[in-house]
Amino acid sequence: MNKILSFLSGALLGAFIAAITVLLLTPKSGESIRSELRHEVDAVLEEGRRASEIRRKELEAQFLQMRGDQPARN
């Protein structure tokens, strides 16, 4: 039991020291990092929206073709 507590306390201390080190050595401010992350997330979401819109149009065209409302494309 003593070995487990010793290991856990060492792991927590190491994690705490690592977190402090990262905060002190990060070259960018938190606001800058959040801004870049927000920009990247927005770009990925927009790309997903465009892809889903293209796929929706393709599926609608296939549906209309199957119903016979539109001539088949070759």
C-alpha atoms as a PDB file:
ATOM      1  CA  MET A   1       0.000   0.000   0.000  1.00  0.00           C
ATOM      2  CA  ASN A   2       2.858   2.347   0.830  1.00  0.00           C
ATOM      3  CA  LYS A   3       4.418   1.777  -2.605  1.00  0.00           C
ATOM      4  CA  ILE A   4       1.152   2.696  -4.340  1.00  0.00           C
ATOM      5  CA  LEU A   5       0.774   5.923  -2.356  1.00  0.00           C
ATOM      6  CA  SER A   6       4.395   6.794  -2.992  1.00  0.00           C
ATOM      7  CA  PHE A   7       3.951   6.200  -6.732  1.00  0.00           C
ATOM      8  CA  LEU A   8       0.703   8.217  -6.906  1.00  0.00           C
ATOM      9  CA  SER A   9       2.176  11.143  -4.994  1.00  0.00           C
ATOM     10  CA  GLY A  10       5.221  11.124  -7.307  1.00  0.00           C
ATOM     11  CA  ALA A  11       2.988  11.001 -10.393  1.00  0.00           C
ATOM     12  CA  LEU A  12       0.835  13.893  -9.148  1.00  0.00           C
ATOM     13  CA  LEU A  13       3.895  15.952  -8.257  1.00  0.00           C
ATOM     14  CA  GLY A  14       5.386  15.260 -11.700  1.00  0.00           C
ATOM     15  CA  ALA A  15       2.132  16.256 -13.430  1.00  0.00           C
ATOM     16  CA  PHE A  16       1.980  19.464 -11.393  1.00  0.00           C
ATOM     17  CA  ILE A  17       5.580  20.381 -12.230  1.00  0.00           C
ATOM     18  CA  ALA A  18       4.980  19.603 -15.914  1.00  0.00           C
ATOM     19  CA  ALA A  19       1.869  21.801 -16.001  1.00  0.00           C
ATOM     20  CA  ILE A  20       3.698  24.727 -14.389  1.00  0.00           C
ATOM     21  CA  THR A  21       6.637  24.301 -16.786  1.00  0.00           C
ATOM     22  CA  VAL A  22       4.341  24.292 -19.819  1.00  0.00           C
ATOM     23  CA  LEU A  23       2.561  27.439 -18.620  1.00  0.00           C
ATOM     24  CA  LEU A  24       5.826  29.271 -18.037  1.00  0.00           C
ATOM     25  CA  LEU A  25       7.511  28.236 -21.288  1.00  0.00           C
ATOM     26  CA  THR A  26       4.601  28.593 -23.716  1.00  0.00           C
ATOM     27  CA  PRO A  27       5.600  31.308 -26.213  1.00  0.00           C
ATOM     28  CA  LYS A  28       2.023  32.431 -26.924  1.00  0.00           C
ATOM     29  CA  SER A  29      -0.607  33.933 -24.698  1.00  0.00           C
ATOM     30  CA  GLY A  30      -3.749  32.036 -23.820  1.00  0.00           C
ATOM     31  CA  GLU A  31      -5.878  34.431 -25.858  1.00  0.00           C
ATOM     32  CA  SER A  32      -3.691  33.889 -28.914  1.00  0.00           C
ATOM     33  CA  ILE A  33      -3.920  30.117 -28.596  1.00  0.00           C
ATOM     34  CA  ARG A  34      -7.717  30.267 -28.109  1.00  0.00           C
ATOM     35  CA  SER A  35      -8.048  32.517 -31.147  1.00  0.00           C
ATOM     36  CA  GLU A  36      -6.034  30.154 -33.344  1.00  0.00           C
ATOM     37  CA  LEU A  37      -7.963  27.145 -32.059  1.00  0.00           C
ATOM     38  CA  ARG A  38     -11.288  28.898 -32.682  1.00  0.00           C
ATOM     39  CA  HIS A  39     -10.178  29.731 -36.234  1.00  0.00           C
ATOM     40  CA  GLU A  40      -9.176  26.117 -36.918  1.00  0.00           C
ATOM     41  CA  VAL A  41     -12.446  24.747 -35.500  1.00  0.00           C
ATOM     42  CA  ASP A  42     -14.456  27.211 -37.598  1.00  0.00           C
ATOM     43  CA  ALA A  43     -12.545  26.167 -40.730  1.00  0.00           C
ATOM     44  CA  VAL A  44     -13.190  22.471 -40.066  1.00  0.00           C
ATOM     45  CA  LEU A  45     -16.886  23.112 -39.390  1.00  0.00           C
ATOM     46  CA  GLU A  46     -17.248  25.142 -42.583  1.00  0.00           C
ATOM     47  CA  GLU A  47     -15.567  22.411 -44.602  1.00  0.00           C
ATOM     48  CA  GLY A  48     -17.974  19.882 -43.081  1.00  0.00           C
ATOM     49  CA  ARG A  49     -20.951  22.084 -43.954  1.00  0.00           C
ATOM     50  CA  ARG A  50     -19.808  22.397 -47.562  1.00  0.00           C
ATOM     51  CA  ALA A  51     -19.241  18.655 -47.867  1.00  0.00           C
ATOM     52  CA  SER A  52     -22.643  17.860 -46.374  1.00  0.00           C
ATOM     53  CA  GLU A  53     -24.357  20.328 -48.728  1.00  0.00           C
ATOM     54  CA  ILE A  54     -22.668  18.755 -51.758  1.00  0.00           C
ATOM     55  CA  ARG A  55     -23.628  15.265 -50.580  1.00  0.00           C
ATOM     56  CA  ARG A  56     -27.207  16.378 -49.866  1.00  0.00           C
ATOM     57  CA  LYS A  57     -27.549  17.686 -53.419  1.00  0.00           C
ATOM     58  CA  GLU A  58     -26.137  14.446 -54.835  1.00  0.00           C
ATOM     59  CA  LEU A  59     -28.577  12.360 -52.803  1.00  0.00           C
ATOM     60  CA  GLU A  60     -31.523  14.552 -53.799  1.00  0.00           C
ATOM     61  CA  ALA A  61     -30.588  14.142 -57.459  1.00  0.00           C
ATOM     62  CA  GLN A  62     -30.358  10.363 -57.036  1.00  0.00           C
ATOM     63  CA  PHE A  63     -33.713  10.306 -55.261  1.00  0.00           C
ATOM     64  CA  LEU A  64     -35.399  12.301 -58.020  1.00  0.00           C
ATOM     65  CA  GLN A  65     -33.822  10.048 -60.621  1.00  0.00           C
ATOM     66  CA  MET A  66     -35.114   6.936 -58.842  1.00  0.00           C
ATOM     67  CA  ARG A  67     -38.609   8.422 -58.621  1.00  0.00           C
ATOM     68  CA  GLY A  68     -38.499   9.141 -62.324  1.00  0.00           C
ATOM     69  CA  ASP A  69     -38.929  12.894 -61.933  1.00  0.00           C
ATOM     70  CA  GLN A  70     -35.699  13.619 -63.724  1.00  0.00           C
ATOM     71  CA  PRO A  71     -34.104  12.047 -66.749  1.00  0.00           C
ATOM     72  CA  ALA A  72     -31.259   9.691 -66.008  1.00  0.00           C
ATOM     73  CA  ARG A  73     -27.762  11.015 -66.557  1.00  0.00           C
ATOM     74  CA  ASN A  74     -25.285   8.949 -68.559  1.00  0.00           C
END
